[in-house]
C-alpha cells in the first residue's frame, strides 16, 4: 500500500471560518505582523489569498511559543494548530470584521521557519511614492494585497475572454515573434540573425499580416493573446512590451465585429469587477468626436462639449476671430462651469497647454461679479455675446475658453484644455465606478505628414476604405486623400482607447492602390509585402478584426491609473527593468558571433580620448 506524503498545508490563509472550529490545520505564508500581549504572541499570517490570526500560548506548545518570539515581519513560516473561535476579552468581542477570517484564530502547536527575512527596503503596508524603489524590488511589491488582487483580476478577465471567444467559435493560434521589419508604424525592436549575417528580425508590433494570412488559410475565426513590442516613448498606459487580444474573422461585417467586441468586454468586466455592462455601446463618427470633444478617444463624463461659433464671428469686430475664419479656420469654445475663480497660475498653465497644442495664445471670459471679465469682450457685439451666453449656457461663476485656428488645431487645443480643466477642477471625483463605453467610427484612411511630405495610414496600410470613398483612392488626385473615410473603429472607455480594428483590404489591386498612396512603389511593394499581395491572388476571403489592449483593460477593471500596476514585471518610464538591470551591455564575443558592432561609446571613454587630444592642442 502506497502511503501519501502529508500535505504541505491544509488550507490557505483566507479559507478558515467558524465552521472549521476544532479542526487541526496547517498554514503556510509570511508574517504580516506580530504582537506580544504579556508573553502571548499573536501574528497575522498572510498568503496570496488573505490573512489568518495565529496565537502562540506557552501552555499549548512551549517550543512553538518560544520560537515565535524570534519571528520578524516577512519571515516565511509553516504553522500547525487548531482552529478556535475568537474569545471575548473583558466582556468585549475580539472578532475582526475587517477580514473574512475574523471570527476565528489558529492556536499554534507547531512552528517551522521556512526562511528568515532580512529587513525589507520598504514597508509593505504603506503606499510608496518612490517608483524606482518599488521597481527595483518588484518581487516584494507583488506581496502587497493590492498587487496580488490586480494579478488575480488580470487572470480572471483573461480566462473570461478565452472562454467567450472559444464559445463563439474562435480558435487560438500563435504567430511568430521573430518576423520582418516594415517601415510603417512605430520603431521596431531589431534582433540580429547569427545564421544570416547582416540581417535582422523584428519583434512584432502586432501580428497584423499573420492574422490576415490565417484568414487566407481558411482559419476563419482566430484569436491570440499576442505579445507585442514597440520601441517608443513610454507613458502611464504604454510599455515597450505589452499584451493585446488579437482577433480576426472572415465573412464578417463591421457590425458583426463591434457586437462581438461588446460581448467580450461585457464578459471581462463581469468577471473582473462584477458589474453588468450595458450593450450596445453608443457610436459616433471620428468627425463628431473631434467636433464635440477635440479627441478621438473622448472623455465624455466631464461634459464641456465644444461649441462652434464660426458662423457667429464671421463678420466680427474682433479681428483675431474674423481673420481665422477668413483663412478657412474655426472659432470654437468650451464652458468650464463654475471655474471663474481660476487662479493666475492656473490661467498660465492653461495658456501653456494651448500653446503646446499649437495655438498662438488663449482667449477667455470670466463670468464673475455680475459681469464678463475679458480684454476681448469689448470687441463683441451684443448679438455675439448673446450667442455665447445662450449656446454655452453661461452663468455666474463660469469660465469660457476659446480656440481659433484651422480645424485640426482648434480640436487639439480645446481637447487638451478640456482635460486640463478636468484635472484642475477634479471633475471625475465620485465617478470612478462609471463606465462610459463608446465606439468611434469612420476614421480618416490617410493623414498627410508635413514633416515627411507624404501620406501615412491613420491605422495601418491594410485598412479598407469606406465603400463610398474607395474610388478616390484609385485616382491620381492626391488632394482628396484627406477626405477618404475608412472602415475602421475604435472602442473607448472613459477617455482611454481600449483597442481598434477595421475591415481589411482583401484584393490585391486595392492593396496596391493603398501602397501607392503611401508612396510605396512597385519594387518596394514586392520586397516588403510580396507575400501578402500574392496571398490575395488565391481567393482571399473578406475579413476584418480588432486588437484590444489587454493591459489597459486590466488597468481599468482594477481601477488603477497605470498599466504598470497590472503587469507583474513592468519597465519604468525609461524602458528599463531596474530589478534585473536590463537593458545591459553584452560581451564582445556575443556581438562578434552576430557580426554586430556598436557605435555607442560610454561617456567616460569619450572623455578619456578627448583629454589627450585637448592637451596636444595646447602644446601645439
Foldseek 3Di string as FASTA:
>chain_A
DDDDDDDLWDDEAQPDAPVQAFPKTKYKAWFADWDQDPLKIWTWGDDLPGTAIEIEDCVLAVVASVVVVPADGGFIKMFIFGKHFQDADPNHGQQDPVGNRRGIHGYTHDMDGPGHDDDDPDRLVDDDPPVLSCLQPVVSVCRRNLLSLLQVLLVQLVVLLVVLLVVVPADEDDDDQFADDDPADADWDWAFDLVDFPDTTTGAQDCVLVVLVVLLVVSFKYWYQDWHAGDDFDDQADFRIATKIWIKGFPDALVRQLVSVVVSLQSSLCRNQVDGDDDDAAEDACVVCLQFQLDSQHQPLLPFTKDWCLVVCCPFQQCVSVVLVVVVKTKIKTKLALCLVPDPVLLVVLQVLLVVLPAPGKFKWAQEPPDTDGPCVVRGDPSSVVCCCVVNVDDHRMMMIMDGHHSNSRSSSRNRSSVSSCVVVVSCVPVLPPKRKYKYFFAQQWDADPVVRAIGGPVHLFWAWDPVQLVVLVDPPLVCSRVITTQKMFMHISSHTFKIKHWTDLALVSSQSSCVRRVQDPVNCCVPPVVSSVSSVSPRGGMMIMMGRSLVSSCSSSSHRGSVSSDSNGAPSVNASSNVGPPDDDDPVVCVSSVHDDPDDDPVVVVVVVVVVVVVVVVD
